[in-house]
Amino acid sequence: MRDLEDFNDTNLQPGLSVDCVLFGFDNNELKILLLKLKSIEKWALPGGFVNVDKDVNAEAHAVLKNRIGLENVFLKQFYLFGNLERNLNTHTPELIKNGIISTKRIAFFKQRFITVGYYALVEYSKVKETTVDFISEACEWHSIHNLPKMIIDHKEIILKAHQTLKKELNTEPIGLNLLPKQFTMPELQALYETVLEKKLDRRNFSRKMLNYNILKDTNKRRMGVKHKAPILYEFDMENYNQAIKNGFNSIW
């Protein structure tokens, strides 16, 4: 929905929204996709409202498709944000004042919203272009450690999603969805260290990963590196899915 004239709240569930924390991994950093709001210096998570005749999960998937043009993105509901203070915002009045939100829609946008939080995982290089909507003017990646000024509780939502990611590193296909199809052991370790925000012993990490029997040696090597060219691996999908189902028995 890119045009204000296309917005119609008639079939929307009152007071309910979805917000998506889309994680990408690039240059050993976790990146978050954010929207810059029109006319004000604040950013927001990609989000949307829920049609009365649609599934909430389907609406969250639609949010991602509209922003990055990709389907079948890994997406998981992780928390419900309903703090009373989240409706005490300043951005809605500013958007109304600046004509970004129509005066005909004031009642809808000023109501109290409870939002369903989702985290999503995507291989960074697969996002070729992003799309804005009628209240935003830019859609860009930001480092999780250098977030801009954000509306209401969206920074809290991001931090909660990151904490969830840490807890679910052994039970959800995080490496599968954030890394390219082929990767090196140092690249896999860098992902774990970035998510966990701590250093891991190189030998112990490599031994654990190989003992899980979830990696396949591709008989290829990463060329163009300074030191000995490292082996390129792929996930063995059958073993990987079984390991995710059972849960890895490591404490990082």
Protein backbone atom coordinates (compact mmCIF):
# COMPACT_ATOMS: atom_id res chain seq x y z
CA MET A 1 0.00 0.00 0.00
CA ARG A 2 2.03 2.92 -1.28
CA ASP A 3 -0.72 5.53 -1.71
CA LEU A 4 -2.67 7.20 1.08
CA GLU A 5 -5.78 7.09 -1.09
CA ASP A 6 -5.57 3.28 -1.15
CA PHE A 7 -5.73 3.04 2.64
CA ASN A 8 -9.09 1.81 3.92
CA ASP A 9 -9.58 0.79 7.53
CA THR A 10 -13.08 -0.62 7.03
CA ASN A 11 -11.98 -4.26 7.09
CA LEU A 12 -9.15 -3.92 9.59
CA GLN A 13 -9.22 -5.47 13.05
CA PRO A 14 -9.36 -2.55 15.51
CA GLY A 15 -6.35 -2.11 17.77
CA LEU A 16 -4.24 -4.95 16.33
CA SER A 17 -1.03 -4.68 14.31
CA VAL A 18 2.04 -6.73 13.39
CA ASP A 19 5.68 -5.61 13.47
CA CYS A 20 8.54 -7.56 11.91
CA VAL A 21 12.18 -7.53 13.00
CA LEU A 22 13.96 -8.65 9.84
CA PHE A 23 17.52 -9.81 10.55
CA GLY A 24 20.27 -9.92 7.95
CA PHE A 25 23.94 -10.81 8.48
CA ASP A 26 26.57 -8.77 6.63
CA ASN A 27 30.24 -8.03 7.34
CA ASN A 28 29.99 -9.78 10.71
CA GLU A 29 27.11 -7.54 11.78
CA LEU A 30 23.45 -8.18 12.45
CA LYS A 31 21.44 -5.76 10.34
CA ILE A 32 17.80 -4.73 10.84
CA LEU A 33 15.55 -3.43 8.06
CA LEU A 34 13.90 -0.13 9.05
CA LEU A 35 11.55 2.43 7.51
CA LYS A 36 12.19 6.19 7.67
CA LEU A 37 8.90 8.02 8.27
CA LYS A 38 7.98 10.95 6.07
CA SER A 39 8.44 14.48 7.45
CA ILE A 40 9.87 13.39 10.83
CA GLU A 41 13.30 12.15 11.90
CA LYS A 42 12.17 8.79 13.23
CA TRP A 43 12.37 5.23 11.98
CA ALA A 44 10.05 2.26 12.37
CA LEU A 45 9.95 -1.49 11.91
CA PRO A 46 8.16 -2.86 8.86
CA GLY A 47 4.64 -3.48 10.05
CA GLY A 48 1.01 -3.47 9.15
CA PHE A 49 -2.54 -4.00 10.24
CA VAL A 50 -4.66 -7.15 10.29
CA ASN A 51 -7.66 -7.69 8.05
CA VAL A 52 -10.64 -9.19 9.88
CA ASP A 53 -10.80 -12.04 7.36
CA LYS A 54 -7.07 -12.89 7.27
CA ASP A 55 -4.70 -14.91 9.41
CA VAL A 56 -2.29 -12.85 11.52
CA ASN A 57 0.72 -14.86 10.32
CA ALA A 58 -0.35 -14.29 6.71
CA GLU A 59 -0.43 -10.54 7.31
CA ALA A 60 3.12 -10.66 8.72
CA HIS A 61 4.32 -12.56 5.64
CA ALA A 62 2.59 -9.95 3.47
CA VAL A 63 4.50 -7.18 5.27
CA LEU A 64 7.82 -8.78 4.31
CA LYS A 65 6.77 -9.49 0.74
CA ASN A 66 5.72 -5.86 0.33
CA ARG A 67 9.01 -4.55 1.71
CA ILE A 68 11.62 -6.88 0.18
CA GLY A 69 9.71 -8.72 -2.56
CA LEU A 70 10.54 -12.19 -1.19
CA GLU A 71 8.25 -15.04 -0.24
CA ASN A 72 8.91 -18.04 2.02
CA VAL A 73 11.03 -15.96 4.39
CA PHE A 74 11.57 -17.62 7.78
CA LEU A 75 9.21 -15.86 10.18
CA LYS A 76 8.32 -16.58 13.79
CA GLN A 77 6.01 -14.92 16.26
CA PHE A 78 7.94 -14.22 19.45
CA TYR A 79 6.08 -11.74 21.70
CA LEU A 80 2.97 -9.64 22.17
CA PHE A 81 3.60 -5.97 22.92
CA GLY A 82 0.70 -4.37 24.75
CA ASN A 83 2.16 -1.88 27.19
CA LEU A 84 -0.31 0.92 27.80
CA GLU A 85 2.42 3.52 27.23
CA ARG A 86 3.00 2.42 23.62
CA ASN A 87 -0.01 4.52 22.59
CA LEU A 88 1.52 7.67 24.12
CA ASN A 89 3.37 8.49 20.92
CA THR A 90 4.28 11.73 19.21
CA HIS A 91 4.74 10.48 15.66
CA THR A 92 1.04 9.99 14.84
CA PRO A 93 0.05 13.61 15.60
CA GLU A 94 3.06 14.80 13.58
CA LEU A 95 2.10 12.64 10.59
CA ILE A 96 -1.45 13.97 10.77
CA LYS A 97 -0.24 17.56 11.12
CA ASN A 98 2.00 17.18 8.07
CA GLY A 99 -0.76 15.65 5.97
CA ILE A 100 0.84 12.21 5.72
CA ILE A 101 -2.15 10.63 7.47
CA SER A 102 -5.56 11.82 6.29
CA THR A 103 -7.77 13.59 8.83
CA LYS A 104 -10.46 11.07 7.87
CA ARG A 105 -8.31 8.33 9.43
CA ILE A 106 -7.43 10.09 12.70
CA ALA A 107 -9.66 7.90 14.86
CA PHE A 108 -8.14 4.71 13.46
CA PHE A 109 -4.51 5.76 13.85
CA LYS A 110 -4.98 7.28 17.31
CA GLN A 111 -6.54 4.19 18.87
CA ARG A 112 -4.53 1.97 21.19
CA PHE A 113 -2.67 -0.76 19.28
CA ILE A 114 -1.42 -4.08 20.58
CA THR A 115 1.20 -5.45 18.21
CA VAL A 116 2.28 -9.01 17.53
CA GLY A 117 6.07 -9.16 17.26
CA TYR A 118 7.74 -11.41 14.68
CA TYR A 119 11.37 -12.00 13.92
CA ALA A 120 12.39 -12.93 10.40
CA LEU A 121 15.64 -14.20 8.91
CA VAL A 122 16.91 -13.60 5.39
CA GLU A 123 20.19 -14.02 3.56
CA TYR A 124 21.34 -10.42 3.23
CA SER A 125 22.43 -10.69 -0.41
CA LYS A 126 18.98 -11.89 -1.50
CA VAL A 127 17.39 -8.54 -0.69
CA LYS A 128 17.95 -6.74 -3.98
CA GLU A 129 15.54 -3.85 -3.44
CA THR A 130 13.16 -2.50 -0.83
CA THR A 131 9.82 -0.71 -1.06
CA VAL A 132 8.31 2.10 1.01
CA ASP A 133 4.65 2.74 1.86
CA PHE A 134 2.51 5.87 2.15
CA ILE A 135 3.95 6.98 5.49
CA SER A 136 7.62 6.21 4.77
CA GLU A 137 10.28 7.63 2.46
CA ALA A 138 13.15 5.17 2.86
CA CYS A 139 13.61 1.48 3.67
CA GLU A 140 17.19 0.64 4.68
CA TRP A 141 19.38 -1.73 6.68
CA HIS A 142 20.86 -0.55 10.00
CA SER A 143 23.33 -2.19 12.33
CA ILE A 144 21.66 -3.46 15.49
CA HIS A 145 24.40 -1.63 17.42
CA ASN A 146 23.76 1.69 15.70
CA LEU A 147 20.00 2.13 15.58
CA PRO A 148 18.53 5.53 14.70
CA LYS A 149 15.84 7.27 16.72
CA MET A 150 12.73 5.09 16.59
CA ILE A 151 9.02 5.45 17.24
CA ILE A 152 7.31 4.26 20.43
CA ASP A 153 8.70 0.88 21.57
CA HIS A 154 10.25 -0.32 18.32
CA LYS A 155 13.78 -0.35 19.73
CA GLU A 156 12.50 -2.47 22.62
CA ILE A 157 10.92 -4.85 20.10
CA ILE A 158 14.27 -5.19 18.29
CA LEU A 159 16.18 -5.89 21.51
CA LYS A 160 13.57 -8.45 22.57
CA ALA A 161 13.86 -10.14 19.17
CA HIS A 162 17.64 -10.29 19.52
CA GLN A 163 17.35 -11.87 22.97
CA THR A 164 14.96 -14.43 21.50
CA LEU A 165 17.42 -15.14 18.68
CA LYS A 166 20.14 -15.87 21.24
CA LYS A 167 17.89 -18.29 23.13
CA GLU A 168 16.75 -20.07 19.98
CA LEU A 169 20.13 -20.41 18.29
CA ASN A 170 20.06 -24.16 19.04
CA THR A 171 16.40 -24.79 18.22
CA GLU A 172 15.64 -22.74 15.09
CA PRO A 173 17.30 -22.78 11.62
CA ILE A 174 19.10 -19.49 12.17
CA GLY A 175 22.35 -20.36 10.42
CA LEU A 176 20.47 -21.87 7.49
CA ASN A 177 18.50 -18.69 6.88
CA LEU A 178 21.16 -16.04 7.53
CA LEU A 179 24.12 -17.58 5.70
CA PRO A 180 24.56 -18.19 1.96
CA LYS A 181 24.21 -21.78 0.74
CA GLN A 182 27.96 -22.34 0.96
CA PHE A 183 30.04 -20.97 3.81
CA THR A 184 33.25 -21.55 5.70
CA MET A 185 33.66 -22.61 9.31
CA PRO A 186 35.02 -19.15 10.24
CA GLU A 187 31.94 -17.56 8.65
CA LEU A 188 29.63 -19.86 10.61
CA GLN A 189 31.51 -19.08 13.81
CA ALA A 190 31.34 -15.35 13.07
CA LEU A 191 27.55 -15.63 12.82
CA TYR A 192 27.31 -17.38 16.19
CA GLU A 193 29.64 -14.86 17.81
CA THR A 194 27.65 -11.97 16.36
CA VAL A 195 24.31 -13.31 17.56
CA LEU A 196 25.66 -14.24 20.99
CA GLU A 197 27.81 -11.10 21.30
CA LYS A 198 30.80 -13.02 22.60
CA LYS A 199 33.93 -14.75 21.34
CA LEU A 200 34.01 -18.54 20.96
CA ASP A 201 37.03 -20.80 20.98
CA ARG A 202 37.85 -21.67 17.36
CA ARG A 203 38.84 -25.31 17.91
CA ASN A 204 35.95 -26.10 20.24
CA PHE A 205 33.44 -24.51 17.88
CA SER A 206 34.73 -26.41 14.86
CA ARG A 207 34.78 -29.71 16.75
CA LYS A 208 31.22 -29.26 18.02
CA MET A 209 29.86 -28.39 14.59
CA LEU A 210 31.57 -31.32 12.90
CA ASN A 211 30.41 -33.71 15.63
CA TYR A 212 26.79 -32.70 15.01
CA ASN A 213 27.16 -34.19 11.51
CA ILE A 214 25.10 -31.37 10.02
CA LEU A 215 27.75 -30.05 7.60
CA LYS A 216 28.73 -31.40 4.19
CA ASP A 217 32.17 -30.74 2.76
CA THR A 218 31.62 -29.41 -0.78
CA ASN A 219 35.19 -30.23 -1.84
CA LYS A 220 35.57 -26.55 -2.65
CA ARG A 221 37.52 -23.80 -0.94
CA ARG A 222 37.01 -20.09 -0.42
CA MET A 223 39.52 -18.46 -2.71
CA GLY A 224 40.96 -14.96 -2.50
CA VAL A 225 41.69 -14.99 1.25
CA LYS A 226 45.01 -14.04 2.85
CA HIS A 227 45.72 -17.35 4.56
CA LYS A 228 45.06 -20.97 3.62
CA ALA A 229 41.84 -21.20 1.63
CA PRO A 230 39.16 -22.54 4.04
CA ILE A 231 36.78 -25.38 3.17
CA LEU A 232 33.32 -24.48 1.92
CA TYR A 233 30.50 -26.30 3.66
CA GLU A 234 26.78 -26.73 3.10
CA PHE A 235 24.18 -27.87 5.59
CA ASP A 236 23.17 -31.52 5.30
CA MET A 237 19.45 -30.78 5.30
CA GLU A 238 18.23 -34.14 6.59
CA ASN A 239 20.65 -34.16 9.52
CA TYR A 240 20.27 -30.42 10.10
CA ASN A 241 16.48 -30.60 10.31
CA GLN A 242 16.70 -33.54 12.70
CA ALA A 243 19.22 -31.69 14.87
CA ILE A 244 16.95 -28.63 14.97
CA LYS A 245 14.02 -30.84 15.92
CA ASN A 246 15.99 -32.46 18.73
CA GLY A 247 17.78 -29.28 19.78
CA PHE A 248 21.55 -28.93 19.84
CA ASN A 249 23.03 -29.92 23.18
CA SER A 250 25.55 -27.09 23.33
CA ILE A 251 25.74 -24.20 25.74
CA TRP A 252 27.62 -21.39 24.04
